[in-house]
Amino acid sequence: MDGPYQDQFTLDNNNVDFRSLGVITYTFDLKQYPNARAVTLSFKDSSGRLYTQKADLSQFR
């Protein structure tokens, strides 16, 4: 089945809500950090919400 995918959630008031699930892919150019073992990636989405994600680069070498 091709997306959009949905999942069922039970809210605090016991009502059921179906919400679309999606995947967003971001690309970060880390070439300027060739010896880095760990980084923290930060970005804002279009609504201004800030996201941060720590990554252990030694897992990808």
PDB file of N, CA and C in Angstrom:
ATOM      1  N   MET A   1       0.857  -1.183   0.000  1.00  0.00           N
ATOM      2  CA  MET A   1       0.000   0.000   0.000  1.00  0.00           C
ATOM      3  C   MET A   1       0.895   1.236   0.000  1.00  0.00           C
ATOM      4  N   ASP A   2       0.707   2.105  -0.947  1.00  0.00           N
ATOM      5  CA  ASP A   2       1.422   3.376  -0.954  1.00  0.00           C
ATOM      6  C   ASP A   2       0.687   4.368  -0.064  1.00  0.00           C
ATOM      7  N   GLY A   3       1.479   5.307   0.519  1.00  0.00           N
ATOM      8  CA  GLY A   3       0.936   6.298   1.444  1.00  0.00           C
ATOM      9  C   GLY A   3      -0.133   7.158   0.812  1.00  0.00           C
ATOM     10  N   PRO A   4      -0.691   8.116   1.502  1.00  0.00           N
ATOM     11  CA  PRO A   4      -0.287   8.490   2.848  1.00  0.00           C
ATOM     12  C   PRO A   4      -0.745   7.443   3.874  1.00  0.00           C
ATOM     13  N   TYR A   5       0.099   7.219   4.834  1.00  0.00           N
ATOM     14  CA  TYR A   5      -0.183   6.230   5.864  1.00  0.00           C
ATOM     15  C   TYR A   5      -0.888   6.902   7.023  1.00  0.00           C
ATOM     16  N   GLN A   6      -1.773   6.146   7.674  1.00  0.00           N
ATOM     17  CA  GLN A   6      -2.482   6.669   8.834  1.00  0.00           C
ATOM     18  C   GLN A   6      -2.313   5.719  10.004  1.00  0.00           C
ATOM     19  N   ASP A   7      -2.444   6.266  11.198  1.00  0.00           N
ATOM     20  CA  ASP A   7      -2.424   5.463  12.403  1.00  0.00           C
ATOM     21  C   ASP A   7      -3.543   5.943  13.302  1.00  0.00           C
ATOM     22  N   GLN A   8      -3.976   5.074  14.179  1.00  0.00           N
ATOM     23  CA  GLN A   8      -5.074   5.373  15.087  1.00  0.00           C
ATOM     24  C   GLN A   8      -4.516   5.731  16.456  1.00  0.00           C
ATOM     25  N   PHE A   9      -5.004   6.831  17.014  1.00  0.00           N
ATOM     26  CA  PHE A   9      -4.578   7.288  18.326  1.00  0.00           C
ATOM     27  C   PHE A   9      -5.798   7.468  19.217  1.00  0.00           C
ATOM     28  N   THR A  10      -5.680   7.072  20.474  1.00  0.00           N
ATOM     29  CA  THR A  10      -6.735   7.307  21.451  1.00  0.00           C
ATOM     30  C   THR A  10      -6.354   8.552  22.239  1.00  0.00           C
ATOM     31  N   LEU A  11      -7.211   9.550  22.205  1.00  0.00           N
ATOM     32  CA  LEU A  11      -6.970  10.818  22.879  1.00  0.00           C
ATOM     33  C   LEU A  11      -7.291  10.713  24.362  1.00  0.00           C
ATOM     34  N   ASP A  12      -6.917  11.718  25.132  1.00  0.00           N
ATOM     35  CA  ASP A  12      -7.168  11.724  26.584  1.00  0.00           C
ATOM     36  C   ASP A  12      -8.643  11.556  26.919  1.00  0.00           C
ATOM     37  N   ASN A  13      -9.528  12.050  26.061  1.00  0.00           N
ATOM     38  CA  ASN A  13     -10.964  11.949  26.315  1.00  0.00           C
ATOM     39  C   ASN A  13     -11.553  10.639  25.786  1.00  0.00           C
ATOM     40  N   ASN A  14     -10.685   9.677  25.418  1.00  0.00           N
ATOM     41  CA  ASN A  14     -11.039   8.351  24.900  1.00  0.00           C
ATOM     42  C   ASN A  14     -11.634   8.365  23.492  1.00  0.00           C
ATOM     43  N   ASN A  15     -11.632   9.515  22.832  1.00  0.00           N
ATOM     44  CA  ASN A  15     -12.026   9.550  21.435  1.00  0.00           C
ATOM     45  C   ASN A  15     -10.874   9.020  20.590  1.00  0.00           C
ATOM     46  N   VAL A  16     -11.222   8.418  19.469  1.00  0.00           N
ATOM     47  CA  VAL A  16     -10.216   7.879  18.560  1.00  0.00           C
ATOM     48  C   VAL A  16      -9.977   8.901  17.452  1.00  0.00           C
ATOM     49  N   ASP A  17      -8.721   9.116  17.125  1.00  0.00           N
ATOM     50  CA  ASP A  17      -8.349  10.062  16.079  1.00  0.00           C
ATOM     51  C   ASP A  17      -7.413   9.365  15.110  1.00  0.00           C
ATOM     52  N   PHE A  18      -7.650   9.518  13.822  1.00  0.00           N
ATOM     53  CA  PHE A  18      -6.765   8.979  12.794  1.00  0.00           C
ATOM     54  C   PHE A  18      -5.893  10.122  12.279  1.00  0.00           C
ATOM     55  N   ARG A  19      -4.592   9.900  12.280  1.00  0.00           N
ATOM     56  CA  ARG A  19      -3.663  10.939  11.842  1.00  0.00           C
ATOM     57  C   ARG A  19      -2.751  10.390  10.766  1.00  0.00           C
ATOM     58  N   SER A  20      -2.462  11.238   9.807  1.00  0.00           N
ATOM     59  CA  SER A  20      -1.555  10.836   8.731  1.00  0.00           C
ATOM     60  C   SER A  20      -0.127  10.807   9.249  1.00  0.00           C
ATOM     61  N   LEU A  21       0.595   9.788   8.847  1.00  0.00           N
ATOM     62  CA  LEU A  21       2.007   9.663   9.199  1.00  0.00           C
ATOM     63  C   LEU A  21       2.816   9.940   7.951  1.00  0.00           C
ATOM     64  N   GLY A  22       3.957  10.512   8.110  1.00  0.00           N
ATOM     65  CA  GLY A  22       4.782  10.818   6.949  1.00  0.00           C
ATOM     66  C   GLY A  22       6.252  10.751   7.295  1.00  0.00           C
ATOM     67  N   VAL A  23       7.041  10.809   6.289  1.00  0.00           N
ATOM     68  CA  VAL A  23       8.487  10.789   6.438  1.00  0.00           C
ATOM     69  C   VAL A  23       9.043  12.046   5.800  1.00  0.00           C
ATOM     70  N   ILE A  24       9.892  12.725   6.524  1.00  0.00           N
ATOM     71  CA  ILE A  24      10.566  13.906   5.996  1.00  0.00           C
ATOM     72  C   ILE A  24      12.055  13.625   6.052  1.00  0.00           C
ATOM     73  N   THR A  25      12.731  13.863   4.963  1.00  0.00           N
ATOM     74  CA  THR A  25      14.163  13.604   4.897  1.00  0.00           C
ATOM     75  C   THR A  25      14.918  14.923   4.802  1.00  0.00           C
ATOM     76  N   TYR A  26      15.904  15.081   5.660  1.00  0.00           N
ATOM     77  CA  TYR A  26      16.768  16.251   5.638  1.00  0.00           C
ATOM     78  C   TYR A  26      18.184  15.788   5.331  1.00  0.00           C
ATOM     79  N   THR A  27      18.924  16.580   4.606  1.00  0.00           N
ATOM     80  CA  THR A  27      20.310  16.274   4.284  1.00  0.00           C
ATOM     81  C   THR A  27      21.210  17.326   4.920  1.00  0.00           C
ATOM     82  N   PHE A  28      22.244  16.861   5.606  1.00  0.00           N
ATOM     83  CA  PHE A  28      23.199  17.755   6.251  1.00  0.00           C
ATOM     84  C   PHE A  28      24.577  17.471   5.674  1.00  0.00           C
ATOM     85  N   ASP A  29      25.257  18.494   5.216  1.00  0.00           N
ATOM     86  CA  ASP A  29      26.603  18.359   4.675  1.00  0.00           C
ATOM     87  C   ASP A  29      27.601  18.464   5.817  1.00  0.00           C
ATOM     88  N   LEU A  30      28.240  17.340   6.156  1.00  0.00           N
ATOM     89  CA  LEU A  30      29.170  17.300   7.283  1.00  0.00           C
ATOM     90  C   LEU A  30      30.614  17.167   6.825  1.00  0.00           C
ATOM     91  N   LYS A  31      30.887  17.467   5.559  1.00  0.00           N
ATOM     92  CA  LYS A  31      32.249  17.338   5.028  1.00  0.00           C
ATOM     93  C   LYS A  31      33.244  18.241   5.748  1.00  0.00           C
ATOM     94  N   GLN A  32      32.778  19.352   6.289  1.00  0.00           N
ATOM     95  CA  GLN A  32      33.695  20.260   6.971  1.00  0.00           C
ATOM     96  C   GLN A  32      34.105  19.737   8.348  1.00  0.00           C
ATOM     97  N   TYR A  33      33.555  18.590   8.751  1.00  0.00           N
ATOM     98  CA  TYR A  33      33.893  17.971  10.035  1.00  0.00           C
ATOM     99  C   TYR A  33      34.385  16.533   9.815  1.00  0.00           C
ATOM    100  N   PRO A  34      35.501  16.361   9.096  1.00  0.00           N
ATOM    101  CA  PRO A  34      35.926  15.001   8.720  1.00  0.00           C
ATOM    102  C   PRO A  34      36.327  14.114   9.897  1.00  0.00           C
ATOM    103  N   ASN A  35      36.702  14.698  11.016  1.00  0.00           N
ATOM    104  CA  ASN A  35      37.142  13.895  12.160  1.00  0.00           C
ATOM    105  C   ASN A  35      36.131  13.880  13.308  1.00  0.00           C
ATOM    106  N   ALA A  36      34.982  14.438  13.082  1.00  0.00           N
ATOM    107  CA  ALA A  36      33.976  14.490  14.149  1.00  0.00           C
ATOM    108  C   ALA A  36      33.448  13.094  14.453  1.00  0.00           C
ATOM    109  N   ARG A  37      33.322  12.800  15.732  1.00  0.00           N
ATOM    110  CA  ARG A  37      32.752  11.510  16.143  1.00  0.00           C
ATOM    111  C   ARG A  37      31.273  11.665  16.506  1.00  0.00           C
ATOM    112  N   ALA A  38      30.891  12.851  16.931  1.00  0.00           N
ATOM    113  CA  ALA A  38      29.503  13.098  17.302  1.00  0.00           C
ATOM    114  C   ALA A  38      29.151  14.537  16.934  1.00  0.00           C
ATOM    115  N   VAL A  39      27.918  14.737  16.526  1.00  0.00           N
ATOM    116  CA  VAL A  39      27.438  16.075  16.180  1.00  0.00           C
ATOM    117  C   VAL A  39      26.023  16.238  16.728  1.00  0.00           C
ATOM    118  N   THR A  40      25.621  17.476  16.861  1.00  0.00           N
ATOM    119  CA  THR A  40      24.229  17.790  17.163  1.00  0.00           C
ATOM    120  C   THR A  40      23.695  18.608  16.002  1.00  0.00           C
ATOM    121  N   LEU A  41      22.681  18.076  15.348  1.00  0.00           N
ATOM    122  CA  LEU A  41      22.065  18.739  14.204  1.00  0.00           C
ATOM    123  C   LEU A  41      20.879  19.545  14.703  1.00  0.00           C
ATOM    124  N   SER A  42      20.761  20.773  14.232  1.00  0.00           N
ATOM    125  CA  SER A  42      19.649  21.638  14.624  1.00  0.00           C
ATOM    126  C   SER A  42      19.049  22.272  13.390  1.00  0.00           C
ATOM    127  N   PHE A  43      17.736  22.356  13.365  1.00  0.00           N
ATOM    128  CA  PHE A  43      17.054  23.016  12.252  1.00  0.00           C
ATOM    129  C   PHE A  43      15.670  23.445  12.696  1.00  0.00           C
ATOM    130  N   LYS A  44      15.126  24.426  11.979  1.00  0.00           N
ATOM    131  CA  LYS A  44      13.769  24.900  12.227  1.00  0.00           C
ATOM    132  C   LYS A  44      12.889  24.507  11.059  1.00  0.00           C
ATOM    133  N   ASP A  45      11.648  24.116  11.357  1.00  0.00           N
ATOM    134  CA  ASP A  45      10.715  23.816  10.282  1.00  0.00           C
ATOM    135  C   ASP A  45      10.030  25.101   9.822  1.00  0.00           C
ATOM    136  N   SER A  46       9.137  24.971   8.880  1.00  0.00           N
ATOM    137  CA  SER A  46       8.504  26.161   8.294  1.00  0.00           C
ATOM    138  C   SER A  46       7.635  26.927   9.283  1.00  0.00           C
ATOM    139  N   SER A  47       7.246  26.294  10.382  1.00  0.00           N
ATOM    140  CA  SER A  47       6.454  27.007  11.393  1.00  0.00           C
ATOM    141  C   SER A  47       7.326  27.639  12.473  1.00  0.00           C
ATOM    142  N   GLY A  48       8.655  27.443  12.375  1.00  0.00           N
ATOM    143  CA  GLY A  48       9.571  28.040  13.334  1.00  0.00           C
ATOM    144  C   GLY A  48       9.926  27.144  14.503  1.00  0.00           C
ATOM    145  N   ARG A  49       9.399  25.917  14.537  1.00  0.00           N
ATOM    146  CA  ARG A  49       9.724  24.980  15.620  1.00  0.00           C
ATOM    147  C   ARG A  49      11.153  24.482  15.450  1.00  0.00           C
ATOM    148  N   LEU A  50      11.931  24.517  16.534  1.00  0.00           N
ATOM    149  CA  LEU A  50      13.323  24.103  16.518  1.00  0.00           C
ATOM    150  C   LEU A  50      13.441  22.616  16.860  1.00  0.00           C
ATOM    151  N   TYR A  51      14.212  21.896  16.074  1.00  0.00           N
ATOM    152  CA  TYR A  51      14.486  20.487  16.311  1.00  0.00           C
ATOM    153  C   TYR A  51      15.987  20.303  16.494  1.00  0.00           C
ATOM    154  N   THR A  52      16.378  19.434  17.400  1.00  0.00           N
ATOM    155  CA  THR A  52      17.786  19.076  17.553  1.00  0.00           C
ATOM    156  C   THR A  52      17.877  17.552  17.630  1.00  0.00           C
ATOM    157  N   GLN A  53      18.927  17.024  17.040  1.00  0.00           N
ATOM    158  CA  GLN A  53      19.138  15.574  17.041  1.00  0.00           C
ATOM    159  C   GLN A  53      20.619  15.295  17.160  1.00  0.00           C
ATOM    160  N   LYS A  54      20.994  14.510  18.146  1.00  0.00           N
ATOM    161  CA  LYS A  54      22.389  14.115  18.302  1.00  0.00           C
ATOM    162  C   LYS A  54      22.644  12.898  17.424  1.00  0.00           C
ATOM    163  N   ALA A  55      23.843  12.848  16.826  1.00  0.00           N
ATOM    164  CA  ALA A  55      24.215  11.727  15.966  1.00  0.00           C
ATOM    165  C   ALA A  55      25.626  11.279  16.293  1.00  0.00           C
ATOM    166  N   ASP A  56      25.818   9.967  16.378  1.00  0.00           N
ATOM    167  CA  ASP A  56      27.128   9.372  16.598  1.00  0.00           C
ATOM    168  C   ASP A  56      27.670   8.966  15.232  1.00  0.00           C
ATOM    169  N   LEU A  57      28.568   9.771  14.682  1.00  0.00           N
ATOM    170  CA  LEU A  57      29.053   9.542  13.322  1.00  0.00           C
ATOM    171  C   LEU A  57      29.929   8.295  13.217  1.00  0.00           C
ATOM    172  N   SER A  58      30.460   7.823  14.323  1.00  0.00           N
ATOM    173  CA  SER A  58      31.304   6.623  14.254  1.00  0.00           C
ATOM    174  C   SER A  58      30.499   5.398  13.831  1.00  0.00           C
ATOM    175  N   GLN A  59      29.183   5.458  13.916  1.00  0.00           N
ATOM    176  CA  GLN A  59      28.331   4.350  13.485  1.00  0.00           C
ATOM    177  C   GLN A  59      28.232   4.281  11.961  1.00  0.00           C
ATOM    178  N   PHE A  60      28.614   5.343  11.267  1.00  0.00           N
ATOM    179  CA  PHE A  60      28.426   5.427   9.833  1.00  0.00           C
ATOM    180  C   PHE A  60      29.719   5.358   9.053  1.00  0.00           C
ATOM    181  N   ARG A  61      30.826   5.032   9.681  1.00  0.00           N
ATOM    182  CA  ARG A  61      32.109   4.995   8.974  1.00  0.00           C
ATOM    183  C   ARG A  61      32.492   3.586   8.645  1.00  0.00           C
TER     184      ARG A  61
END
